[in-house]
PDB file of all heavy atoms in Angstrom:
ATOM      1  N   SER A   1       0.826  -1.202   0.021  1.00  0.00           N
ATOM      2  CA  SER A   1      -0.001   0.010  -0.048  1.00  0.00           C
ATOM      3  C   SER A   1       0.880   1.260  -0.049  1.00  0.00           C
ATOM      4  O   SER A   1       0.607   2.186  -0.714  1.00  0.00           O
ATOM      5  CB  SER A   1      -0.942   0.015   1.243  1.00  0.00           C
ATOM      6  OG  SER A   1      -1.845  -1.129   1.252  1.00  0.00           O
ATOM      7  N   LEU A   2       1.911   1.303   0.804  1.00  0.00           N
ATOM      8  CA  LEU A   2       2.781   2.466   0.866  1.00  0.00           C
ATOM      9  C   LEU A   2       3.513   2.543  -0.499  1.00  0.00           C
ATOM     10  O   LEU A   2       3.558   3.684  -1.017  1.00  0.00           O
ATOM     11  CB  LEU A   2       3.849   2.279   2.017  1.00  0.00           C
ATOM     12  CG  LEU A   2       3.306   2.389   3.419  1.00  0.00           C
ATOM     13  CD1 LEU A   2       4.372   2.014   4.380  1.00  0.00           C
ATOM     14  CD2 LEU A   2       2.795   3.817   3.593  1.00  0.00           C
ATOM     15  N   SER A   3       3.920   1.529  -1.157  1.00  0.00           N
ATOM     16  CA  SER A   3       4.617   1.576  -2.409  1.00  0.00           C
ATOM     17  C   SER A   3       3.680   2.154  -3.402  1.00  0.00           C
ATOM     18  O   SER A   3       4.116   2.937  -4.356  1.00  0.00           O
ATOM     19  CB  SER A   3       5.145   0.230  -2.804  1.00  0.00           C
ATOM     20  OG  SER A   3       6.102  -0.203  -1.952  1.00  0.00           O
ATOM     21  N   ALA A   4       2.382   1.751  -3.412  1.00  0.00           N
ATOM     22  CA  ALA A   4       1.436   2.235  -4.319  1.00  0.00           C
ATOM     23  C   ALA A   4       1.243   3.699  -4.316  1.00  0.00           C
ATOM     24  O   ALA A   4       1.143   4.400  -5.210  1.00  0.00           O
ATOM     25  CB  ALA A   4       0.187   1.396  -4.332  1.00  0.00           C
ATOM     26  N   MET A   5       1.009   4.169  -3.018  1.00  0.00           N
ATOM     27  CA  MET A   5       0.807   5.566  -2.764  1.00  0.00           C
ATOM     28  C   MET A   5       2.082   6.402  -3.247  1.00  0.00           C
ATOM     29  O   MET A   5       1.875   7.459  -3.855  1.00  0.00           O
ATOM     30  CB  MET A   5       0.571   5.810  -1.373  1.00  0.00           C
ATOM     31  CG  MET A   5      -0.743   5.424  -0.848  1.00  0.00           C
ATOM     32  SD  MET A   5      -1.362   5.840   0.754  1.00  0.00           S
ATOM     33  CE  MET A   5       0.092   5.788   1.681  1.00  0.00           C
ATOM     34  N   ILE A   6       3.234   5.951  -2.970  1.00  0.00           N
ATOM     35  CA  ILE A   6       4.421   6.645  -3.420  1.00  0.00           C
ATOM     36  C   ILE A   6       4.507   6.699  -4.855  1.00  0.00           C
ATOM     37  O   ILE A   6       4.820   7.684  -5.575  1.00  0.00           O
ATOM     38  CB  ILE A   6       5.705   6.089  -2.639  1.00  0.00           C
ATOM     39  CG1 ILE A   6       5.603   6.327  -1.198  1.00  0.00           C
ATOM     40  CG2 ILE A   6       6.990   6.677  -3.379  1.00  0.00           C
ATOM     41  CD1 ILE A   6       6.675   5.571  -0.477  1.00  0.00           C
ATOM     42  N   GLY A   7       4.206   5.586  -5.542  1.00  0.00           N
ATOM     43  CA  GLY A   7       4.280   5.404  -6.990  1.00  0.00           C
ATOM     44  C   GLY A   7       3.353   6.454  -7.678  1.00  0.00           C
ATOM     45  O   GLY A   7       3.677   7.049  -8.700  1.00  0.00           O
ATOM     46  N   VAL A   8       2.147   6.638  -7.104  1.00  0.00           N
ATOM     47  CA  VAL A   8       1.184   7.621  -7.740  1.00  0.00           C
ATOM     48  C   VAL A   8       1.739   8.985  -7.644  1.00  0.00           C
ATOM     49  O   VAL A   8       1.747   9.645  -8.615  1.00  0.00           O
ATOM     50  CB  VAL A   8      -0.109   7.484  -6.960  1.00  0.00           C
ATOM     51  CG1 VAL A   8      -1.074   8.668  -7.340  1.00  0.00           C
ATOM     52  CG2 VAL A   8      -0.871   6.147  -7.200  1.00  0.00           C
ATOM     53  N   PHE A   9       2.346   9.357  -6.585  1.00  0.00           N
ATOM     54  CA  PHE A   9       3.027  10.636  -6.482  1.00  0.00           C
ATOM     55  C   PHE A   9       4.100  10.840  -7.537  1.00  0.00           C
ATOM     56  O   PHE A   9       4.288  11.916  -8.066  1.00  0.00           O
ATOM     57  CB  PHE A   9       3.446  10.947  -5.016  1.00  0.00           C
ATOM     58  CG  PHE A   9       2.202  11.141  -4.081  1.00  0.00           C
ATOM     59  CD1 PHE A   9       1.990  10.312  -3.084  1.00  0.00           C
ATOM     60  CD2 PHE A   9       1.295  12.229  -4.337  1.00  0.00           C
ATOM     61  CE1 PHE A   9       1.006  10.546  -2.169  1.00  0.00           C
ATOM     62  CE2 PHE A   9       0.208  12.306  -3.490  1.00  0.00           C
ATOM     63  CZ  PHE A   9       0.087  11.466  -2.394  1.00  0.00           C
ATOM     64  N   VAL A  10       5.006   9.878  -7.545  1.00  0.00           N
ATOM     65  CA  VAL A  10       6.081   9.930  -8.454  1.00  0.00           C
ATOM     66  C   VAL A  10       5.675  10.031  -9.944  1.00  0.00           C
ATOM     67  O   VAL A  10       6.243  10.846 -10.688  1.00  0.00           O
ATOM     68  CB  VAL A  10       7.060   8.683  -8.297  1.00  0.00           C
ATOM     69  CG1 VAL A  10       8.154   8.616  -9.324  1.00  0.00           C
ATOM     70  CG2 VAL A  10       7.703   8.762  -6.884  1.00  0.00           C
ATOM     71  N   VAL A  11       4.735   9.219 -10.348  1.00  0.00           N
ATOM     72  CA  VAL A  11       4.330   9.218 -11.681  1.00  0.00           C
ATOM     73  C   VAL A  11       3.680  10.657 -12.020  1.00  0.00           C
ATOM     74  O   VAL A  11       3.897  11.227 -13.074  1.00  0.00           O
ATOM     75  CB  VAL A  11       3.293   8.093 -11.919  1.00  0.00           C
ATOM     76  CG1 VAL A  11       2.620   8.267 -13.281  1.00  0.00           C
ATOM     77  CG2 VAL A  11       4.004   6.742 -11.932  1.00  0.00           C
ATOM     78  N   GLY A  12       2.871  11.132 -11.007  1.00  0.00           N
ATOM     79  CA  GLY A  12       2.230  12.466 -11.218  1.00  0.00           C
ATOM     80  C   GLY A  12       3.245  13.598 -11.368  1.00  0.00           C
ATOM     81  O   GLY A  12       3.187  14.442 -12.190  1.00  0.00           O
ATOM     82  N   ALA A  13       4.390  13.510 -10.568  1.00  0.00           N
ATOM     83  CA  ALA A  13       5.411  14.520 -10.610  1.00  0.00           C
ATOM     84  C   ALA A  13       6.117  14.423 -11.882  1.00  0.00           C
ATOM     85  O   ALA A  13       6.531  15.462 -12.539  1.00  0.00           O
ATOM     86  CB  ALA A  13       6.279  14.372  -9.346  1.00  0.00           C
ATOM     87  N   LEU A  14       6.428  13.228 -12.388  1.00  0.00           N
ATOM     88  CA  LEU A  14       7.154  13.098 -13.623  1.00  0.00           C
ATOM     89  C   LEU A  14       6.313  13.594 -14.778  1.00  0.00           C
ATOM     90  O   LEU A  14       6.909  14.275 -15.713  1.00  0.00           O
ATOM     91  CB  LEU A  14       7.482  11.434 -13.904  1.00  0.00           C
ATOM     92  CG  LEU A  14       8.048  11.206 -15.052  1.00  0.00           C
ATOM     93  CD1 LEU A  14       9.511  11.888 -15.173  1.00  0.00           C
ATOM     94  CD2 LEU A  14       8.351   9.719 -15.317  1.00  0.00           C
ATOM     95  N   LYS A  15       4.982  13.352 -14.931  1.00  0.00           N
ATOM     96  CA  LYS A  15       4.100  13.799 -15.949  1.00  0.00           C
ATOM     97  C   LYS A  15       4.152  15.361 -15.869  1.00  0.00           C
ATOM     98  O   LYS A  15       4.315  16.034 -16.843  1.00  0.00           O
ATOM     99  CB  LYS A  15       2.719  13.429 -15.688  1.00  0.00           C
ATOM    100  CG  LYS A  15       1.762  13.868 -16.807  1.00  0.00           C
ATOM    101  CD  LYS A  15       0.373  13.383 -16.648  1.00  0.00           C
ATOM    102  CE  LYS A  15      -0.510  13.963 -17.666  1.00  0.00           C
ATOM    103  NZ  LYS A  15      -1.993  13.480 -17.468  1.00  0.00           N
ATOM    104  N   ASN A  16       4.052  16.054 -14.686  1.00  0.00           N
ATOM    105  CA  ASN A  16       4.046  17.492 -14.584  1.00  0.00           C
ATOM    106  C   ASN A  16       5.408  18.115 -15.060  1.00  0.00           C
ATOM    107  O   ASN A  16       5.454  19.149 -15.613  1.00  0.00           O
ATOM    108  CB  ASN A  16       3.629  17.783 -13.135  1.00  0.00           C
ATOM    109  CG  ASN A  16       2.220  17.728 -12.770  1.00  0.00           C
ATOM    110  OD1 ASN A  16       1.387  17.550 -13.677  1.00  0.00           O
ATOM    111  ND2 ASN A  16       1.937  17.551 -11.579  1.00  0.00           N
ATOM    112  N   SER A  17       6.423  17.409 -14.745  1.00  0.00           N
ATOM    113  CA  SER A  17       7.746  17.945 -15.032  1.00  0.00           C
ATOM    114  C   SER A  17       7.929  17.872 -16.625  1.00  0.00           C
ATOM    115  O   SER A  17       8.551  18.822 -17.197  1.00  0.00           O
ATOM    116  CB  SER A  17       8.958  17.160 -14.312  1.00  0.00           C
ATOM    117  OG  SER A  17       8.986  15.799 -14.911  1.00  0.00           O
ATOM    118  N   LYS A  18       7.438  16.810 -17.274  1.00  0.00           N
ATOM    119  CA  LYS A  18       7.546  16.816 -18.705  1.00  0.00           C
ATOM    120  C   LYS A  18       6.647  17.948 -19.341  1.00  0.00           C
ATOM    121  O   LYS A  18       7.175  18.485 -20.289  1.00  0.00           O
ATOM    122  CB  LYS A  18       7.116  15.344 -19.190  1.00  0.00           C
ATOM    123  CG  LYS A  18       8.171  14.294 -19.034  1.00  0.00           C
ATOM    124  CD  LYS A  18       7.712  13.063 -19.657  1.00  0.00           C
ATOM    125  CE  LYS A  18       8.766  11.880 -19.533  1.00  0.00           C
ATOM    126  NZ  LYS A  18       8.335  10.783 -20.266  1.00  0.00           N
ATOM    127  N   ILE A  19       5.547  18.210 -18.743  1.00  0.00           N
ATOM    128  CA  ILE A  19       4.624  19.205 -19.359  1.00  0.00           C
ATOM    129  C   ILE A  19       5.443  20.566 -19.106  1.00  0.00           C
ATOM    130  O   ILE A  19       5.549  21.351 -20.163  1.00  0.00           O
ATOM    131  CB  ILE A  19       3.338  19.280 -18.672  1.00  0.00           C
ATOM    132  CG1 ILE A  19       2.509  18.048 -19.171  1.00  0.00           C
ATOM    133  CG2 ILE A  19       2.561  20.497 -19.019  1.00  0.00           C
ATOM    134  CD1 ILE A  19       1.260  17.770 -18.315  1.00  0.00           C
ATOM    135  N   LYS A  20       5.997  20.912 -17.961  1.00  0.00           N
ATOM    136  CA  LYS A  20       6.792  22.128 -17.819  1.00  0.00           C
ATOM    137  C   LYS A  20       7.846  22.171 -18.788  1.00  0.00           C
ATOM    138  O   LYS A  20       8.175  23.289 -19.223  1.00  0.00           O
ATOM    139  CB  LYS A  20       7.175  22.234 -16.284  1.00  0.00           C
ATOM    140  CG  LYS A  20       6.099  22.418 -15.272  1.00  0.00           C
ATOM    141  CD  LYS A  20       5.429  23.789 -15.536  1.00  0.00           C
ATOM    142  CE  LYS A  20       4.483  23.871 -14.385  1.00  0.00           C
ATOM    143  NZ  LYS A  20       3.621  25.025 -14.737  1.00  0.00           N
ATOM    144  N   GLN A  21       8.608  21.070 -18.852  1.00  0.00           N
ATOM    145  CA  GLN A  21       9.732  21.099 -19.862  1.00  0.00           C
ATOM    146  C   GLN A  21       9.306  21.408 -21.240  1.00  0.00           C
ATOM    147  O   GLN A  21       9.909  22.228 -22.010  1.00  0.00           O
ATOM    148  CB  GLN A  21      10.483  19.699 -19.720  1.00  0.00           C
ATOM    149  CG  GLN A  21      11.697  19.689 -20.645  1.00  0.00           C
ATOM    150  CD  GLN A  21      12.346  18.276 -20.739  1.00  0.00           C
ATOM    151  OE1 GLN A  21      11.911  17.453 -20.003  1.00  0.00           O
ATOM    152  NE2 GLN A  21      13.296  18.176 -21.671  1.00  0.00           N
ATOM    153  N   ALA A  22       8.301  20.845 -21.642  1.00  0.00           N
ATOM    154  CA  ALA A  22       7.698  21.086 -23.080  1.00  0.00           C
ATOM    155  C   ALA A  22       7.362  22.626 -23.174  1.00  0.00           C
ATOM    156  O   ALA A  22       7.599  23.207 -24.187  1.00  0.00           O
ATOM    157  CB  ALA A  22       6.600  20.195 -23.355  1.00  0.00           C
ATOM    158  N   GLU A  23       6.689  23.131 -22.200  1.00  0.00           N
ATOM    159  CA  GLU A  23       6.246  24.560 -22.126  1.00  0.00           C
ATOM    160  C   GLU A  23       7.467  25.484 -22.307  1.00  0.00           C
ATOM    161  O   GLU A  23       7.503  26.391 -23.178  1.00  0.00           O
ATOM    162  CB  GLU A  23       5.443  24.941 -20.965  1.00  0.00           C
ATOM    163  CG  GLU A  23       4.043  24.285 -20.930  1.00  0.00           C
ATOM    164  CD  GLU A  23       3.378  24.462 -19.610  1.00  0.00           C
ATOM    165  OE1 GLU A  23       4.048  24.900 -18.595  1.00  0.00           O
ATOM    166  OE2 GLU A  23       2.179  24.236 -19.459  1.00  0.00           O
ATOM    167  N   THR A  24       8.480  25.146 -21.592  1.00  0.00           N
ATOM    168  CA  THR A  24       9.727  25.877 -21.587  1.00  0.00           C
ATOM    169  C   THR A  24      10.397  25.742 -23.006  1.00  0.00           C
ATOM    170  O   THR A  24      10.832  26.797 -23.634  1.00  0.00           O
ATOM    171  CB  THR A  24      10.698  25.492 -20.560  1.00  0.00           C
ATOM    172  OG1 THR A  24      10.117  25.605 -19.308  1.00  0.00           O
ATOM    173  CG2 THR A  24      11.920  26.253 -20.590  1.00  0.00           C
ATOM    174  N   GLU A  25      10.474  24.679 -23.519  1.00  0.00           N
ATOM    175  CA  GLU A  25      11.137  24.470 -24.769  1.00  0.00           C
ATOM    176  C   GLU A  25      10.319  25.027 -25.894  1.00  0.00           C
ATOM    177  O   GLU A  25      10.958  25.609 -26.869  1.00  0.00           O
ATOM    178  CB  GLU A  25      11.411  22.947 -25.039  1.00  0.00           C
ATOM    179  CG  GLU A  25      12.539  22.351 -24.228  1.00  0.00           C
ATOM    180  CD  GLU A  25      12.704  20.885 -24.445  1.00  0.00           C
ATOM    181  OE1 GLU A  25      12.019  20.255 -25.190  1.00  0.00           O
ATOM    182  OE2 GLU A  25      13.682  20.314 -23.697  1.00  0.00           O
ATOM    183  N   VAL A  26       9.098  24.870 -25.875  1.00  0.00           N
ATOM    184  CA  VAL A  26       8.242  25.538 -26.955  1.00  0.00           C
ATOM    185  C   VAL A  26       8.459  27.080 -27.025  1.00  0.00           C
ATOM    186  O   VAL A  26       8.641  27.710 -28.008  1.00  0.00           O
ATOM    187  CB  VAL A  26       6.738  25.209 -26.814  1.00  0.00           C
ATOM    188  CG1 VAL A  26       5.844  26.134 -27.660  1.00  0.00           C
ATOM    189  CG2 VAL A  26       6.515  23.699 -27.234  1.00  0.00           C
TER     190      VAL A  26
END
């Protein structure tokens, strides 16, 4: 359960960082 909760936060943070990177590069 702890691993699943941490995984959700990590995946969400990774998605947000890619979006921010794309915005900056565009």
